[in-house]
Amino acid sequence: MKIDPAILRALSLSPSTTTLSSHGGSGFTSTGKIDTTLPDGSKKSFFLKTGKGRDSAAMFAGEHASLNALHTVPSLCPQSFAHGELDDRSGSFLVTDFLDMSTTRSATGDKERGSGMSLAQKLGKLHTTPAPIPSGYSKPVFGFPVSTCCGNTEQDNTWTESWAEFYAERRLRTILRQAEQNNGKDASLHATVEKVAQEVVPRLIGDDHLNGGAPITPVAVHGDLWSGNKGRGRIGGQGAVEDVVFDPSSCYAHNEYELGIMKMFGGFGKAFLREYHDICPKTEPVEEYEDRVALYELYHHLNHYAIFGGGYKGGAMSIMRDLIRKYGSKDEL
């Protein structure tokens, strides 16, 4: 397979010592493996994604930034090295560490332990690491430097000082507009999402309520952490086998936001959550924890409805009715 010159330039690789082969698969992109010999004679492999159209450029810019934000815990995910436009103008590319998931044993057998951390421990470490302070602010805030894509939904990550405002505006109302654009207007859905944004969000995660009114520290979240985006492999195809994640859709958020998608599709049991919460305790009020996670899960039901339509609307409506019954005003929709 021919390698576009833009990729070679971005990685400073020689075409004479570099090859590209098809590898893996993705719902929205084409994927491949780059193998090269470096000037010092060592071998290195990269993972390549390419996509067509303008949407792929935004998607790859977001994934590049997301992976490198998660790389605060280096053994958690591949590092991203480059993204950009292909010279042939057919689309865009993203190049990351190659993640070898073909073996469950380290290159040198069980002697090589690597980080020695479980996925729960890595996630706990990520979620107890404060976000960096963006330019123009004096403290970490919620959002992200670029938009990110959850599935093929481009997310608005505009910096916002209030977590409740970020979640209501940048997630719930934004995905409602996308769902209406894709599937048509739905008066009942629209009214119910608005009621959640206006009444449930301030009641459950309002700035003067969540964490007893003390500020929530923004942390990097994967943003799309379901069982299909985690596994075990060797980052860079070398060293120890690690618990790893990939295909992130990150932002700097309340750490419990991560748990919404994890609950929606399962794959993270009680033992995982106990280990995680030993490092990253539940936010106060603890008795409202399950309802907060349901509120965060709601976004992903709405996103899946926006992308796929069908039964995901029912799941979203069920969550919203339960939350409104507990935390909304008593007037009927």
C-alpha atoms as a PDB file:
ATOM      1  CA  MET A   1       0.000   0.000   0.000  1.00  0.00           C
ATOM      2  CA  LYS A   2       1.254   3.489  -0.859  1.00  0.00           C
ATOM      3  CA  ILE A   3       1.893   5.926   1.996  1.00  0.00           C
ATOM      4  CA  ASP A   4       0.782   9.499   1.411  1.00  0.00           C
ATOM      5  CA  PRO A   5       3.799  11.864   1.596  1.00  0.00           C
ATOM      6  CA  ALA A   6       2.038  14.029   4.200  1.00  0.00           C
ATOM      7  CA  ILE A   7       2.201  11.118   6.653  1.00  0.00           C
ATOM      8  CA  LEU A   8       5.887  10.502   5.993  1.00  0.00           C
ATOM      9  CA  ARG A   9       6.680  14.193   6.528  1.00  0.00           C
ATOM     10  CA  ALA A  10       4.656  14.377   9.727  1.00  0.00           C
ATOM     11  CA  LEU A  11       6.612  11.464  11.220  1.00  0.00           C
ATOM     12  CA  SER A  12       9.970  12.317   9.570  1.00  0.00           C
ATOM     13  CA  LEU A  13      10.120   8.831   8.028  1.00  0.00           C
ATOM     14  CA  SER A  14      11.969   7.641   4.938  1.00  0.00           C
ATOM     15  CA  PRO A  15       9.797   6.087   2.205  1.00  0.00           C
ATOM     16  CA  SER A  16      12.568   3.568   1.475  1.00  0.00           C
ATOM     17  CA  THR A  17      12.368   2.015   4.950  1.00  0.00           C
ATOM     18  CA  THR A  18       8.644   2.397   5.638  1.00  0.00           C
ATOM     19  CA  THR A  19       5.709   0.196   4.645  1.00  0.00           C
ATOM     20  CA  LEU A  20       1.956   0.362   5.110  1.00  0.00           C
ATOM     21  CA  SER A  21      -0.418  -2.584   5.422  1.00  0.00           C
ATOM     22  CA  SER A  22      -4.120  -2.884   6.147  1.00  0.00           C
ATOM     23  CA  HIS A  23      -4.895  -3.554   9.813  1.00  0.00           C
ATOM     24  CA  GLY A  24      -8.005  -3.652  11.972  1.00  0.00           C
ATOM     25  CA  GLY A  25     -11.233  -1.875  11.230  1.00  0.00           C
ATOM     26  CA  SER A  26     -13.331   1.126  12.196  1.00  0.00           C
ATOM     27  CA  GLY A  27     -16.906   2.211  11.651  1.00  0.00           C
ATOM     28  CA  PHE A  28     -16.014   5.658  10.345  1.00  0.00           C
ATOM     29  CA  THR A  29     -12.431   5.366   9.007  1.00  0.00           C
ATOM     30  CA  SER A  30      -9.924   3.190   7.149  1.00  0.00           C
ATOM     31  CA  THR A  31      -7.119   1.756   9.276  1.00  0.00           C
ATOM     32  CA  GLY A  32      -3.615   0.450   8.719  1.00  0.00           C
ATOM     33  CA  LYS A  33      -0.256  -0.399  10.265  1.00  0.00           C
ATOM     34  CA  ILE A  34       2.916   1.510   9.444  1.00  0.00           C
ATOM     35  CA  ASP A  35       6.209  -0.370   9.944  1.00  0.00           C
ATOM     36  CA  THR A  36       9.483   1.505   9.691  1.00  0.00           C
ATOM     37  CA  THR A  37      13.176   1.252  10.389  1.00  0.00           C
ATOM     38  CA  LEU A  38      14.498   4.304  12.213  1.00  0.00           C
ATOM     39  CA  PRO A  39      17.936   5.884  11.495  1.00  0.00           C
ATOM     40  CA  ASP A  40      19.420   4.079  14.507  1.00  0.00           C
ATOM     41  CA  GLY A  41      18.345   0.736  13.044  1.00  0.00           C
ATOM     42  CA  SER A  42      15.520   0.105  15.481  1.00  0.00           C
ATOM     43  CA  LYS A  43      12.059  -0.948  14.334  1.00  0.00           C
ATOM     44  CA  LYS A  44       8.868   0.957  15.129  1.00  0.00           C
ATOM     45  CA  SER A  45       5.199   0.499  14.284  1.00  0.00           C
ATOM     46  CA  PHE A  46       2.400   3.064  14.136  1.00  0.00           C
ATOM     47  CA  PHE A  47      -1.364   2.825  13.764  1.00  0.00           C
ATOM     48  CA  LEU A  48      -2.900   4.875  10.960  1.00  0.00           C
ATOM     49  CA  LYS A  49      -6.453   6.109  10.471  1.00  0.00           C
ATOM     50  CA  THR A  50      -7.587   7.878   7.314  1.00  0.00           C
ATOM     51  CA  GLY A  51     -10.965   9.389   6.540  1.00  0.00           C
ATOM     52  CA  LYS A  52     -12.655  11.283   3.761  1.00  0.00           C
ATOM     53  CA  GLY A  53     -14.229  14.735   3.815  1.00  0.00           C
ATOM     54  CA  ARG A  54     -14.077  17.670   6.198  1.00  0.00           C
ATOM     55  CA  ASP A  55     -15.646  15.745   9.059  1.00  0.00           C
ATOM     56  CA  SER A  56     -12.632  13.449   9.318  1.00  0.00           C
ATOM     57  CA  ALA A  57     -10.296  16.403   9.941  1.00  0.00           C
ATOM     58  CA  ALA A  58     -12.297  17.508  12.996  1.00  0.00           C
ATOM     59  CA  MET A  59     -12.666  13.927  14.192  1.00  0.00           C
ATOM     60  CA  PHE A  60      -8.921  13.268  14.018  1.00  0.00           C
ATOM     61  CA  ALA A  61      -7.983  16.606  15.611  1.00  0.00           C
ATOM     62  CA  GLY A  62     -10.251  15.719  18.524  1.00  0.00           C
ATOM     63  CA  GLU A  63      -8.933  12.180  18.861  1.00  0.00           C
ATOM     64  CA  HIS A  64      -5.322  13.422  18.701  1.00  0.00           C
ATOM     65  CA  ALA A  65      -5.933  15.880  21.540  1.00  0.00           C
ATOM     66  CA  SER A  66      -7.972  13.315  23.485  1.00  0.00           C
ATOM     67  CA  LEU A  67      -5.323  10.597  23.398  1.00  0.00           C
ATOM     68  CA  ASN A  68      -2.633  13.000  24.503  1.00  0.00           C
ATOM     69  CA  ALA A  69      -4.814  14.308  27.342  1.00  0.00           C
ATOM     70  CA  LEU A  70      -5.356  10.735  28.557  1.00  0.00           C
ATOM     71  CA  HIS A  71      -1.628  10.083  28.143  1.00  0.00           C
ATOM     72  CA  THR A  72      -1.222  11.886  31.479  1.00  0.00           C
ATOM     73  CA  VAL A  73      -1.309   8.229  32.559  1.00  0.00           C
ATOM     74  CA  PRO A  74       1.118   6.925  29.884  1.00  0.00           C
ATOM     75  CA  SER A  75       0.186   3.246  30.154  1.00  0.00           C
ATOM     76  CA  LEU A  76      -3.537   3.989  29.767  1.00  0.00           C
ATOM     77  CA  CYS A  77      -3.665   4.551  26.005  1.00  0.00           C
ATOM     78  CA  PRO A  78      -1.623   4.953  22.825  1.00  0.00           C
ATOM     79  CA  GLN A  79       0.070   8.280  22.265  1.00  0.00           C
ATOM     80  CA  SER A  80      -0.901  10.280  19.192  1.00  0.00           C
ATOM     81  CA  PHE A  81       1.925  11.666  17.055  1.00  0.00           C
ATOM     82  CA  ALA A  82       0.377  13.527  14.140  1.00  0.00           C
ATOM     83  CA  HIS A  83      -2.789  14.415  12.242  1.00  0.00           C
ATOM     84  CA  GLY A  84      -3.461  16.483   9.174  1.00  0.00           C
ATOM     85  CA  GLU A  85      -4.563  16.630   5.564  1.00  0.00           C
ATOM     86  CA  LEU A  86      -3.407  14.074   3.018  1.00  0.00           C
ATOM     87  CA  ASP A  87      -1.416  15.415   0.080  1.00  0.00           C
ATOM     88  CA  ASP A  88      -3.777  13.756  -2.402  1.00  0.00           C
ATOM     89  CA  ARG A  89      -6.632  15.863  -0.962  1.00  0.00           C
ATOM     90  CA  SER A  90      -8.756  12.765  -0.415  1.00  0.00           C
ATOM     91  CA  GLY A  91      -9.165  13.392   3.305  1.00  0.00           C
ATOM     92  CA  SER A  92      -7.245  13.436   6.581  1.00  0.00           C
ATOM     93  CA  PHE A  93      -5.072  11.160   8.699  1.00  0.00           C
ATOM     94  CA  LEU A  94      -4.198  10.355  12.306  1.00  0.00           C
ATOM     95  CA  VAL A  95      -1.104   8.455  13.446  1.00  0.00           C
ATOM     96  CA  THR A  96      -0.766   6.928  16.916  1.00  0.00           C
ATOM     97  CA  ASP A  97       1.218   4.264  18.713  1.00  0.00           C
ATOM     98  CA  PHE A  98       0.479   0.830  17.327  1.00  0.00           C
ATOM     99  CA  LEU A  99      -1.500  -1.137  19.891  1.00  0.00           C
ATOM    100  CA  ASP A 100      -0.742  -4.859  19.641  1.00  0.00           C
ATOM    101  CA  MET A 101      -3.775  -6.681  21.004  1.00  0.00           C
ATOM    102  CA  SER A 102      -2.937 -10.003  19.366  1.00  0.00           C
ATOM    103  CA  THR A 103      -1.321 -11.444  22.477  1.00  0.00           C
ATOM    104  CA  THR A 104      -2.118 -11.559  26.177  1.00  0.00           C
ATOM    105  CA  ARG A 105       1.499 -12.118  27.179  1.00  0.00           C
ATOM    106  CA  SER A 106       4.368  -9.646  27.380  1.00  0.00           C
ATOM    107  CA  ALA A 107       7.169  -9.763  24.853  1.00  0.00           C
ATOM    108  CA  THR A 108       9.433 -11.285  27.519  1.00  0.00           C
ATOM    109  CA  GLY A 109       6.753 -13.415  29.167  1.00  0.00           C
ATOM    110  CA  ASP A 110       5.343 -12.787  32.624  1.00  0.00           C
ATOM    111  CA  LYS A 111       8.617 -11.304  33.918  1.00  0.00           C
ATOM    112  CA  GLU A 112       7.729  -7.875  32.526  1.00  0.00           C
ATOM    113  CA  ARG A 113       5.025  -6.239  34.653  1.00  0.00           C
ATOM    114  CA  GLY A 114       4.839  -2.851  33.017  1.00  0.00           C
ATOM    115  CA  SER A 115       2.911  -0.339  35.093  1.00  0.00           C
ATOM    116  CA  GLY A 116       1.409  -3.034  37.326  1.00  0.00           C
ATOM    117  CA  MET A 117      -1.829  -0.992  37.394  1.00  0.00           C
ATOM    118  CA  SER A 118      -5.315  -2.245  36.633  1.00  0.00           C
ATOM    119  CA  LEU A 119      -7.658  -0.266  34.394  1.00  0.00           C
ATOM    120  CA  ALA A 120      -9.623   0.852  37.461  1.00  0.00           C
ATOM    121  CA  GLN A 121      -6.435   2.165  39.051  1.00  0.00           C
ATOM    122  CA  LYS A 122      -5.396   3.957  35.873  1.00  0.00           C
ATOM    123  CA  LEU A 123      -8.808   5.554  35.515  1.00  0.00           C
ATOM    124  CA  GLY A 124      -8.720   6.581  39.169  1.00  0.00           C
ATOM    125  CA  LYS A 125      -5.304   8.185  38.658  1.00  0.00           C
ATOM    126  CA  LEU A 126      -6.544  10.017  35.553  1.00  0.00           C
ATOM    127  CA  HIS A 127      -9.598  11.285  37.412  1.00  0.00           C
ATOM    128  CA  THR A 128      -7.588  12.616  40.345  1.00  0.00           C
ATOM    129  CA  THR A 129      -5.244  14.609  38.094  1.00  0.00           C
ATOM    130  CA  PRO A 130      -6.468  18.219  37.712  1.00  0.00           C
ATOM    131  CA  ALA A 131      -6.957  19.538  34.192  1.00  0.00           C
ATOM    132  CA  PRO A 132      -4.434  22.082  32.890  1.00  0.00           C
ATOM    133  CA  ILE A 133      -5.363  25.751  33.048  1.00  0.00           C
ATOM    134  CA  PRO A 134      -6.376  27.026  29.600  1.00  0.00           C
ATOM    135  CA  SER A 135      -5.134  30.320  28.227  1.00  0.00           C
ATOM    136  CA  GLY A 136      -7.114  33.271  29.536  1.00  0.00           C
ATOM    137  CA  TYR A 137      -8.212  31.553  32.751  1.00  0.00           C
ATOM    138  CA  SER A 138      -6.733  31.475  36.253  1.00  0.00           C
ATOM    139  CA  LYS A 139      -7.945  27.952  37.086  1.00  0.00           C
ATOM    140  CA  PRO A 140      -8.986  24.744  35.311  1.00  0.00           C
ATOM    141  CA  VAL A 141     -12.409  24.953  33.652  1.00  0.00           C
ATOM    142  CA  PHE A 142     -14.747  22.553  31.892  1.00  0.00           C
ATOM    143  CA  GLY A 143     -14.418  21.952  28.165  1.00  0.00           C
ATOM    144  CA  PHE A 144     -11.549  21.091  25.820  1.00  0.00           C
ATOM    145  CA  PRO A 145      -9.210  22.925  23.431  1.00  0.00           C
ATOM    146  CA  VAL A 146     -10.930  21.391  20.373  1.00  0.00           C
ATOM    147  CA  SER A 147     -14.229  19.765  19.505  1.00  0.00           C
ATOM    148  CA  THR A 148     -14.361  15.980  19.825  1.00  0.00           C
ATOM    149  CA  CYS A 149     -16.533  13.347  18.180  1.00  0.00           C
ATOM    150  CA  CYS A 150     -18.606  10.778  20.046  1.00  0.00           C
ATOM    151  CA  GLY A 151     -19.454   8.382  17.253  1.00  0.00           C
ATOM    152  CA  ASN A 152     -19.861  10.822  14.388  1.00  0.00           C
ATOM    153  CA  THR A 153     -21.417  13.518  16.584  1.00  0.00           C
ATOM    154  CA  GLU A 154     -19.176  16.570  16.829  1.00  0.00           C
ATOM    155  CA  GLN A 155     -19.304  17.895  20.388  1.00  0.00           C
ATOM    156  CA  ASP A 156     -19.086  21.514  21.469  1.00  0.00           C
ATOM    157  CA  ASN A 157     -16.373  21.794  24.126  1.00  0.00           C
ATOM    158  CA  THR A 158     -16.340  25.571  24.558  1.00  0.00           C
ATOM    159  CA  TRP A 159     -14.673  26.483  27.863  1.00  0.00           C
ATOM    160  CA  THR A 160     -17.275  26.918  30.603  1.00  0.00           C
ATOM    161  CA  GLU A 161     -16.659  27.690  34.283  1.00  0.00           C
ATOM    162  CA  SER A 162     -19.873  26.061  35.515  1.00  0.00           C
ATOM    163  CA  TRP A 163     -20.149  22.273  35.191  1.00  0.00           C
ATOM    164  CA  ALA A 164     -23.964  22.417  35.329  1.00  0.00           C
ATOM    165  CA  GLU A 165     -24.007  24.973  32.512  1.00  0.00           C
ATOM    166  CA  PHE A 166     -21.552  22.921  30.449  1.00  0.00           C
ATOM    167  CA  TYR A 167     -23.611  19.760  30.790  1.00  0.00           C
ATOM    168  CA  ALA A 168     -26.962  21.429  30.122  1.00  0.00           C
ATOM    169  CA  GLU A 169     -25.779  23.562  27.188  1.00  0.00           C
ATOM    170  CA  ARG A 170     -22.857  21.717  25.592  1.00  0.00           C
ATOM    171  CA  ARG A 171     -24.262  18.242  25.999  1.00  0.00           C
ATOM    172  CA  LEU A 172     -28.044  17.975  26.531  1.00  0.00           C
ATOM    173  CA  ARG A 173     -29.315  20.902  24.473  1.00  0.00           C
ATOM    174  CA  THR A 174     -26.684  20.444  21.775  1.00  0.00           C
ATOM    175  CA  ILE A 175     -27.460  16.755  21.268  1.00  0.00           C
ATOM    176  CA  LEU A 176     -31.187  17.529  21.284  1.00  0.00           C
ATOM    177  CA  ARG A 177     -30.665  19.902  18.341  1.00  0.00           C
ATOM    178  CA  GLN A 178     -28.633  17.232  16.534  1.00  0.00           C
ATOM    179  CA  ALA A 179     -31.305  14.595  17.175  1.00  0.00           C
ATOM    180  CA  GLU A 180     -33.993  16.921  15.801  1.00  0.00           C
ATOM    181  CA  GLN A 181     -31.889  17.699  12.757  1.00  0.00           C
ATOM    182  CA  ASN A 182     -31.349  13.991  12.040  1.00  0.00           C
ATOM    183  CA  ASN A 183     -34.736  12.555  13.021  1.00  0.00           C
ATOM    184  CA  GLY A 184     -37.192  15.439  12.871  1.00  0.00           C
ATOM    185  CA  LYS A 185     -38.932  17.481  15.555  1.00  0.00           C
ATOM    186  CA  ASP A 186     -40.455  15.646  18.496  1.00  0.00           C
ATOM    187  CA  ALA A 187     -42.432  17.886  20.838  1.00  0.00           C
ATOM    188  CA  SER A 188     -42.477  15.411  23.725  1.00  0.00           C
ATOM    189  CA  LEU A 189     -38.733  14.718  23.561  1.00  0.00           C
ATOM    190  CA  HIS A 190     -37.939  18.420  23.243  1.00  0.00           C
ATOM    191  CA  ALA A 191     -40.073  19.388  26.246  1.00  0.00           C
ATOM    192  CA  THR A 192     -38.663  16.585  28.381  1.00  0.00           C
ATOM    193  CA  VAL A 193     -35.017  17.385  27.636  1.00  0.00           C
ATOM    194  CA  GLU A 194     -35.712  21.056  28.385  1.00  0.00           C
ATOM    195  CA  LYS A 195     -37.322  20.147  31.698  1.00  0.00           C
ATOM    196  CA  VAL A 196     -34.272  18.084  32.652  1.00  0.00           C
ATOM    197  CA  ALA A 197     -31.901  20.887  31.625  1.00  0.00           C
ATOM    198  CA  GLN A 198     -33.897  23.541  33.500  1.00  0.00           C
ATOM    199  CA  GLU A 199     -34.860  21.629  36.648  1.00  0.00           C
ATOM    200  CA  VAL A 200     -32.960  18.372  37.146  1.00  0.00           C
ATOM    201  CA  VAL A 201     -29.486  19.602  36.175  1.00  0.00           C
ATOM    202  CA  PRO A 202     -29.353  22.487  38.685  1.00  0.00           C
ATOM    203  CA  ARG A 203     -30.938  20.303  41.367  1.00  0.00           C
ATOM    204  CA  LEU A 204     -28.501  17.368  40.919  1.00  0.00           C
ATOM    205  CA  ILE A 205     -25.262  18.938  39.676  1.00  0.00           C
ATOM    206  CA  GLY A 206     -25.744  22.650  40.304  1.00  0.00           C
ATOM    207  CA  ASP A 207     -22.682  24.597  41.420  1.00  0.00           C
ATOM    208  CA  ASP A 208     -24.209  25.360  44.825  1.00  0.00           C
ATOM    209  CA  HIS A 209     -25.279  21.744  45.425  1.00  0.00           C
ATOM    210  CA  LEU A 210     -22.778  19.265  43.981  1.00  0.00           C
ATOM    211  CA  ASN A 211     -19.884  18.514  46.351  1.00  0.00           C
ATOM    212  CA  GLY A 212     -21.584  20.545  49.060  1.00  0.00           C
ATOM    213  CA  GLY A 213     -21.122  23.682  46.980  1.00  0.00           C
ATOM    214  CA  ALA A 214     -17.318  23.302  46.905  1.00  0.00           C
ATOM    215  CA  PRO A 215     -15.803  23.621  43.419  1.00  0.00           C
ATOM    216  CA  ILE A 216     -15.526  20.473  41.305  1.00  0.00           C
ATOM    217  CA  THR A 217     -12.059  20.034  39.814  1.00  0.00           C
ATOM    218  CA  PRO A 218     -12.211  19.333  36.052  1.00  0.00           C
ATOM    219  CA  VAL A 219     -10.343  16.180  35.014  1.00  0.00           C
ATOM    220  CA  ALA A 220      -9.744  14.482  31.685  1.00  0.00           C
ATOM    221  CA  VAL A 221     -12.339  11.860  30.799  1.00  0.00           C
ATOM    222  CA  HIS A 222     -12.275   9.347  27.959  1.00  0.00           C
ATOM    223  CA  GLY A 223     -15.833  10.324  27.110  1.00  0.00           C
ATOM    224  CA  ASP A 224     -16.834   7.145  25.232  1.00  0.00           C
ATOM    225  CA  LEU A 225     -15.603   4.427  27.565  1.00  0.00           C
ATOM    226  CA  TRP A 226     -17.713   1.374  26.805  1.00  0.00           C
ATOM    227  CA  SER A 227     -16.489  -2.220  26.697  1.00  0.00           C
ATOM    228  CA  GLY A 228     -15.650  -1.981  22.980  1.00  0.00           C
ATOM    229  CA  ASN A 229     -13.131   0.806  23.634  1.00  0.00           C
ATOM    230  CA  LYS A 230     -11.009  -1.048  26.184  1.00  0.00           C
ATOM    231  CA  GLY A 231      -8.827  -4.126  26.069  1.00  0.00           C
ATOM    232  CA  ARG A 232      -5.405  -5.541  26.810  1.00  0.00           C
ATOM    233  CA  GLY A 233      -2.399  -5.001  24.606  1.00  0.00           C
ATOM    234  CA  ARG A 234       1.161  -3.785  24.190  1.00  0.00           C
ATOM    235  CA  ILE A 235       1.443  -0.075  23.433  1.00  0.00           C
ATOM    236  CA  GLY A 236       3.846   0.406  20.552  1.00  0.00           C
ATOM    237  CA  GLY A 237       3.858  -3.376  20.112  1.00  0.00           C
ATOM    238  CA  GLN A 238       6.589  -3.584  22.732  1.00  0.00           C
ATOM    239  CA  GLY A 239       6.964  -4.163  26.465  1.00  0.00           C
ATOM    240  CA  ALA A 240       4.339  -5.463  28.840  1.00  0.00           C
ATOM    241  CA  VAL A 241       0.706  -6.223  28.191  1.00  0.00           C
ATOM    242  CA  GLU A 242      -1.430  -3.520  29.809  1.00  0.00           C
ATOM    243  CA  ASP A 243      -5.078  -2.698  30.380  1.00  0.00           C
ATOM    244  CA  VAL A 244      -5.637   0.011  27.790  1.00  0.00           C
ATOM    245  CA  VAL A 245      -8.333   2.239  26.276  1.00  0.00           C
ATOM    246  CA  PHE A 246      -8.651   3.766  22.817  1.00  0.00           C
ATOM    247  CA  ASP A 247     -10.985   5.779  20.541  1.00  0.00           C
ATOM    248  CA  PRO A 248     -11.587   8.531  23.121  1.00  0.00           C
ATOM    249  CA  SER A 249     -13.908  11.519  22.898  1.00  0.00           C
ATOM    250  CA  SER A 250     -12.445  13.558  25.713  1.00  0.00           C
ATOM    251  CA  CYS A 251     -13.171  16.728  27.578  1.00  0.00           C
ATOM    252  CA  TYR A 252     -12.337  18.103  31.018  1.00  0.00           C
ATOM    253  CA  ALA A 253     -15.362  17.250  33.130  1.00  0.00           C
ATOM    254  CA  HIS A 254     -16.740  16.062  36.454  1.00  0.00           C
ATOM    255  CA  ASN A 255     -15.145  12.630  36.831  1.00  0.00           C
ATOM    256  CA  GLU A 256     -18.521  10.899  37.294  1.00  0.00           C
ATOM    257  CA  TYR A 257     -19.519  11.950  33.773  1.00  0.00           C
ATOM    258  CA  GLU A 258     -17.302   9.072  32.612  1.00  0.00           C
ATOM    259  CA  LEU A 259     -19.504   6.558  34.399  1.00  0.00           C
ATOM    260  CA  GLY A 260     -22.627   7.289  32.331  1.00  0.00           C
ATOM    261  CA  ILE A 261     -21.473   5.506  29.168  1.00  0.00           C
ATOM    262  CA  MET A 262     -19.812   2.790  31.276  1.00  0.00           C
ATOM    263  CA  LYS A 263     -23.171   2.017  32.883  1.00  0.00           C
ATOM    264  CA  MET A 264     -25.128   2.156  29.629  1.00  0.00           C
ATOM    265  CA  PHE A 265     -23.383  -0.787  27.989  1.00  0.00           C
ATOM    266  CA  GLY A 266     -21.925  -2.570  31.020  1.00  0.00           C
ATOM    267  CA  GLY A 267     -18.601  -4.378  31.091  1.00  0.00           C
ATOM    268  CA  PHE A 268     -17.479  -2.687  34.321  1.00  0.00           C
ATOM    269  CA  GLY A 269     -18.612  -4.679  37.341  1.00  0.00           C
ATOM    270  CA  LYS A 270     -18.943  -3.951  41.032  1.00  0.00           C
ATOM    271  CA  ALA A 271     -15.337  -4.983  41.752  1.00  0.00           C
ATOM    272  CA  PHE A 272     -14.067  -2.528  39.126  1.00  0.00           C
ATOM    273  CA  LEU A 273     -16.096   0.312  40.610  1.00  0.00           C
ATOM    274  CA  ARG A 274     -15.024  -0.497  44.185  1.00  0.00           C
ATOM    275  CA  GLU A 275     -11.371  -0.366  43.114  1.00  0.00           C
ATOM    276  CA  TYR A 276     -11.981   2.865  41.209  1.00  0.00           C
ATOM    277  CA  HIS A 277     -13.824   4.552  44.076  1.00  0.00           C
ATOM    278  CA  ASP A 278     -11.069   3.599  46.520  1.00  0.00           C
ATOM    279  CA  ILE A 279      -8.954   6.086  44.547  1.00  0.00           C
ATOM    280  CA  CYS A 280     -11.661   8.473  43.379  1.00  0.00           C
ATOM    281  CA  PRO A 281     -14.477   8.557  45.961  1.00  0.00           C
ATOM    282  CA  LYS A 282     -18.083   9.280  45.047  1.00  0.00           C
ATOM    283  CA  THR A 283     -18.913  12.983  45.042  1.00  0.00           C
ATOM    284  CA  GLU A 284     -21.220  14.331  47.738  1.00  0.00           C
ATOM    285  CA  PRO A 285     -24.136  13.935  48.141  1.00  0.00           C
ATOM    286  CA  VAL A 286     -23.255  10.240  47.938  1.00  0.00           C
ATOM    287  CA  GLU A 287     -26.924   9.261  48.182  1.00  0.00           C
ATOM    288  CA  GLU A 288     -27.545  10.961  44.810  1.00  0.00           C
ATOM    289  CA  TYR A 289     -24.655   9.209  43.063  1.00  0.00           C
ATOM    290  CA  GLU A 290     -26.805   6.720  41.117  1.00  0.00           C
ATOM    291  CA  ASP A 291     -29.064   9.500  39.875  1.00  0.00           C
ATOM    292  CA  ARG A 292     -26.096  11.590  38.726  1.00  0.00           C
ATOM    293  CA  VAL A 293     -24.747   8.630  36.786  1.00  0.00           C
ATOM    294  CA  ALA A 294     -28.198   8.173  35.219  1.00  0.00           C
ATOM    295  CA  LEU A 295     -28.227  11.862  34.268  1.00  0.00           C
ATOM    296  CA  TYR A 296     -24.846  11.440  32.570  1.00  0.00           C
ATOM    297  CA  GLU A 297     -25.991   8.207  30.901  1.00  0.00           C
ATOM    298  CA  LEU A 298     -28.870  10.186  29.399  1.00  0.00           C
ATOM    299  CA  TYR A 299     -26.543  12.072  27.075  1.00  0.00           C
ATOM    300  CA  HIS A 300     -25.389   8.845  25.448  1.00  0.00           C
ATOM    301  CA  HIS A 301     -28.945   7.594  24.904  1.00  0.00           C
ATOM    302  CA  LEU A 302     -29.722  10.885  23.197  1.00  0.00           C
ATOM    303  CA  ASN A 303     -26.526  10.681  21.160  1.00  0.00           C
ATOM    304  CA  HIS A 304     -27.329   7.143  20.030  1.00  0.00           C
ATOM    305  CA  TYR A 305     -30.824   8.291  19.126  1.00  0.00           C
ATOM    306  CA  ALA A 306     -29.323  11.157  17.113  1.00  0.00           C
ATOM    307  CA  ILE A 307     -27.031   8.754  15.241  1.00  0.00           C
ATOM    308  CA  PHE A 308     -29.155   5.611  14.930  1.00  0.00           C
ATOM    309  CA  GLY A 309     -32.731   6.660  15.736  1.00  0.00           C
ATOM    310  CA  GLY A 310     -35.067   3.899  16.845  1.00  0.00           C
ATOM    311  CA  GLY A 311     -35.320   2.562  20.377  1.00  0.00           C
ATOM    312  CA  TYR A 312     -32.713   4.804  21.972  1.00  0.00           C
ATOM    313  CA  LYS A 313     -35.377   7.494  22.320  1.00  0.00           C
ATOM    314  CA  GLY A 314     -37.323   5.199  24.650  1.00  0.00           C
ATOM    315  CA  GLY A 315     -34.299   4.700  26.874  1.00  0.00           C
ATOM    316  CA  ALA A 316     -33.731   8.451  27.060  1.00  0.00           C
ATOM    317  CA  MET A 317     -37.371   9.149  27.892  1.00  0.00           C
ATOM    318  CA  SER A 318     -37.370   6.515  30.639  1.00  0.00           C
ATOM    319  CA  ILE A 319     -34.302   8.020  32.326  1.00  0.00           C
ATOM    320  CA  MET A 320     -35.709  11.543  32.075  1.00  0.00           C
ATOM    321  CA  ARG A 321     -39.114  10.647  33.491  1.00  0.00           C
ATOM    322  CA  ASP A 322     -37.496   8.933  36.477  1.00  0.00           C
ATOM    323  CA  LEU A 323     -35.265  11.930  37.152  1.00  0.00           C
ATOM    324  CA  ILE A 324     -38.075  14.453  36.718  1.00  0.00           C
ATOM    325  CA  ARG A 325     -40.272  12.436  39.075  1.00  0.00           C
ATOM    326  CA  LYS A 326     -37.585  12.748  41.771  1.00  0.00           C
ATOM    327  CA  TYR A 327     -36.039  16.145  41.089  1.00  0.00           C
ATOM    328  CA  GLY A 328     -38.332  18.144  38.808  1.00  0.00           C
ATOM    329  CA  SER A 329     -41.343  20.298  39.537  1.00  0.00           C
ATOM    330  CA  LYS A 330     -44.611  18.451  39.936  1.00  0.00           C
ATOM    331  CA  ASP A 331     -46.444  19.950  36.957  1.00  0.00           C
ATOM    332  CA  GLU A 332     -47.141  17.558  34.095  1.00  0.00           C
ATOM    333  CA  LEU A 333     -45.284  17.768  30.792  1.00  0.00           C
END
